[in-house]
Amino acid sequence: MVNLTFLKKFTKDDAQKMKRYISLYLDVAPKTFDEMKRNLKNEDWEQLRINAHS
């Protein structure tokens, strides 16, 4: 379950914009999570911080 309150406010409840942001997240997130796993393994804390906030 996901709380969409922030996204609704950010997009001013524009359904098309919400769909676009959700789609973008679903496309980018798996790669980012893989990078974060590598950052953890390599103890690259700075890059982990950057990826976590991206």
N, C-alpha and C. Protein backbone atom coordinates (compact mmCIF):
# COMPACT_ATOMS: atom_id res chain seq x y z
N MET A 1 0.84 -1.17 0.00
CA MET A 1 0.00 0.00 0.00
C MET A 1 0.89 1.24 0.00
N VAL A 2 0.50 2.23 -0.77
CA VAL A 2 1.28 3.45 -0.92
C VAL A 2 0.39 4.65 -0.64
N ASN A 3 0.94 5.61 0.10
CA ASN A 3 0.23 6.85 0.36
C ASN A 3 0.58 7.83 -0.75
N LEU A 4 -0.40 8.23 -1.52
CA LEU A 4 -0.16 9.11 -2.66
C LEU A 4 -0.39 10.58 -2.34
N THR A 5 -0.51 10.91 -1.08
CA THR A 5 -0.80 12.30 -0.68
C THR A 5 0.22 13.27 -1.26
N PHE A 6 1.51 12.97 -1.09
CA PHE A 6 2.55 13.86 -1.60
C PHE A 6 2.45 14.01 -3.11
N LEU A 7 2.30 12.89 -3.82
CA LEU A 7 2.23 12.93 -5.28
C LEU A 7 1.02 13.74 -5.75
N LYS A 8 -0.11 13.56 -5.10
CA LYS A 8 -1.31 14.33 -5.46
C LYS A 8 -1.07 15.82 -5.27
N LYS A 9 -0.43 16.18 -4.17
CA LYS A 9 -0.16 17.59 -3.91
C LYS A 9 0.88 18.13 -4.89
N PHE A 10 1.92 17.34 -5.14
CA PHE A 10 3.01 17.74 -6.04
C PHE A 10 2.49 17.97 -7.46
N THR A 11 1.55 17.12 -7.91
CA THR A 11 1.02 17.22 -9.27
C THR A 11 -0.28 18.00 -9.35
N LYS A 12 -0.68 18.55 -8.21
CA LYS A 12 -1.96 19.28 -8.12
C LYS A 12 -3.11 18.39 -8.57
N ASP A 13 -3.00 17.11 -8.20
CA ASP A 13 -4.03 16.08 -8.47
C ASP A 13 -4.28 15.86 -9.97
N ASP A 14 -3.28 16.13 -10.79
CA ASP A 14 -3.37 15.92 -12.23
C ASP A 14 -3.06 14.45 -12.52
N ALA A 15 -4.07 13.69 -12.93
CA ALA A 15 -3.94 12.25 -13.13
C ALA A 15 -2.87 11.90 -14.16
N GLN A 16 -2.77 12.66 -15.23
CA GLN A 16 -1.78 12.38 -16.26
C GLN A 16 -0.36 12.55 -15.72
N LYS A 17 -0.14 13.62 -14.96
CA LYS A 17 1.18 13.83 -14.36
C LYS A 17 1.49 12.73 -13.35
N MET A 18 0.49 12.34 -12.58
CA MET A 18 0.70 11.27 -11.60
C MET A 18 1.11 9.98 -12.30
N LYS A 19 0.44 9.64 -13.38
CA LYS A 19 0.77 8.42 -14.14
C LYS A 19 2.19 8.50 -14.68
N ARG A 20 2.57 9.67 -15.16
CA ARG A 20 3.91 9.85 -15.72
C ARG A 20 4.98 9.65 -14.64
N TYR A 21 4.79 10.24 -13.46
CA TYR A 21 5.75 10.08 -12.37
C TYR A 21 5.81 8.64 -11.86
N ILE A 22 4.67 8.00 -11.77
CA ILE A 22 4.65 6.59 -11.33
C ILE A 22 5.37 5.72 -12.34
N SER A 23 5.11 5.94 -13.61
CA SER A 23 5.78 5.17 -14.67
C SER A 23 7.28 5.40 -14.64
N LEU A 24 7.69 6.63 -14.48
CA LEU A 24 9.12 6.95 -14.40
C LEU A 24 9.76 6.22 -13.23
N TYR A 25 9.10 6.25 -12.07
CA TYR A 25 9.63 5.57 -10.89
C TYR A 25 9.77 4.07 -11.15
N LEU A 26 8.75 3.46 -11.73
CA LEU A 26 8.79 2.02 -11.98
C LEU A 26 9.89 1.64 -12.98
N ASP A 27 10.21 2.53 -13.89
CA ASP A 27 11.29 2.28 -14.85
C ASP A 27 12.67 2.44 -14.22
N VAL A 28 12.83 3.41 -13.36
CA VAL A 28 14.15 3.78 -12.82
C VAL A 28 14.48 3.03 -11.51
N ALA A 29 13.49 2.76 -10.70
CA ALA A 29 13.73 2.21 -9.36
C ALA A 29 14.54 0.91 -9.34
N PRO A 30 14.24 -0.08 -10.17
CA PRO A 30 15.03 -1.33 -10.09
C PRO A 30 16.53 -1.11 -10.29
N LYS A 31 16.89 -0.26 -11.24
CA LYS A 31 18.32 0.02 -11.48
C LYS A 31 18.92 0.73 -10.27
N THR A 32 18.19 1.68 -9.71
CA THR A 32 18.68 2.42 -8.54
C THR A 32 18.89 1.48 -7.36
N PHE A 33 17.95 0.55 -7.14
CA PHE A 33 18.09 -0.39 -6.03
C PHE A 33 19.31 -1.30 -6.24
N ASP A 34 19.54 -1.72 -7.47
CA ASP A 34 20.73 -2.53 -7.76
C ASP A 34 22.01 -1.74 -7.47
N GLU A 35 22.02 -0.48 -7.86
CA GLU A 35 23.18 0.37 -7.59
C GLU A 35 23.39 0.53 -6.09
N MET A 36 22.31 0.68 -5.35
CA MET A 36 22.41 0.83 -3.90
C MET A 36 22.97 -0.43 -3.24
N LYS A 37 22.59 -1.59 -3.76
CA LYS A 37 23.14 -2.86 -3.24
C LYS A 37 24.65 -2.90 -3.47
N ARG A 38 25.09 -2.47 -4.67
CA ARG A 38 26.53 -2.42 -4.96
C ARG A 38 27.23 -1.41 -4.04
N ASN A 39 26.59 -0.27 -3.83
CA ASN A 39 27.16 0.73 -2.92
C ASN A 39 27.36 0.17 -1.53
N LEU A 40 26.38 -0.58 -1.04
CA LEU A 40 26.49 -1.20 0.28
C LEU A 40 27.63 -2.21 0.31
N LYS A 41 27.68 -3.06 -0.70
CA LYS A 41 28.71 -4.09 -0.76
C LYS A 41 30.10 -3.46 -0.79
N ASN A 42 30.23 -2.37 -1.53
CA ASN A 42 31.53 -1.70 -1.68
C ASN A 42 31.78 -0.65 -0.60
N GLU A 43 30.83 -0.52 0.31
CA GLU A 43 30.91 0.48 1.38
C GLU A 43 31.15 1.89 0.82
N ASP A 44 30.49 2.18 -0.27
CA ASP A 44 30.57 3.49 -0.91
C ASP A 44 29.42 4.34 -0.37
N TRP A 45 29.63 4.89 0.81
CA TRP A 45 28.56 5.57 1.55
C TRP A 45 28.10 6.85 0.86
N GLU A 46 29.01 7.56 0.24
CA GLU A 46 28.62 8.80 -0.43
C GLU A 46 27.71 8.52 -1.62
N GLN A 47 28.06 7.54 -2.43
CA GLN A 47 27.23 7.21 -3.58
C GLN A 47 25.90 6.60 -3.13
N LEU A 48 25.93 5.84 -2.05
CA LEU A 48 24.70 5.29 -1.48
C LEU A 48 23.77 6.44 -1.07
N ARG A 49 24.32 7.44 -0.42
CA ARG A 49 23.53 8.60 0.00
C ARG A 49 22.90 9.28 -1.21
N ILE A 50 23.69 9.46 -2.26
CA ILE A 50 23.20 10.11 -3.47
C ILE A 50 22.08 9.28 -4.11
N ASN A 51 22.30 7.97 -4.23
CA ASN A 51 21.27 7.11 -4.83
C ASN A 51 20.01 7.05 -3.98
N ALA A 52 20.17 7.04 -2.68
CA ALA A 52 19.01 6.96 -1.79
C ALA A 52 18.12 8.19 -1.92
N HIS A 53 18.71 9.32 -2.22
CA HIS A 53 17.93 10.56 -2.31
C HIS A 53 17.54 10.91 -3.75
N SER A 54 17.86 10.05 -4.69
CA SER A 54 17.54 10.37 -6.08
C SER A 54 16.11 10.03 -6.46
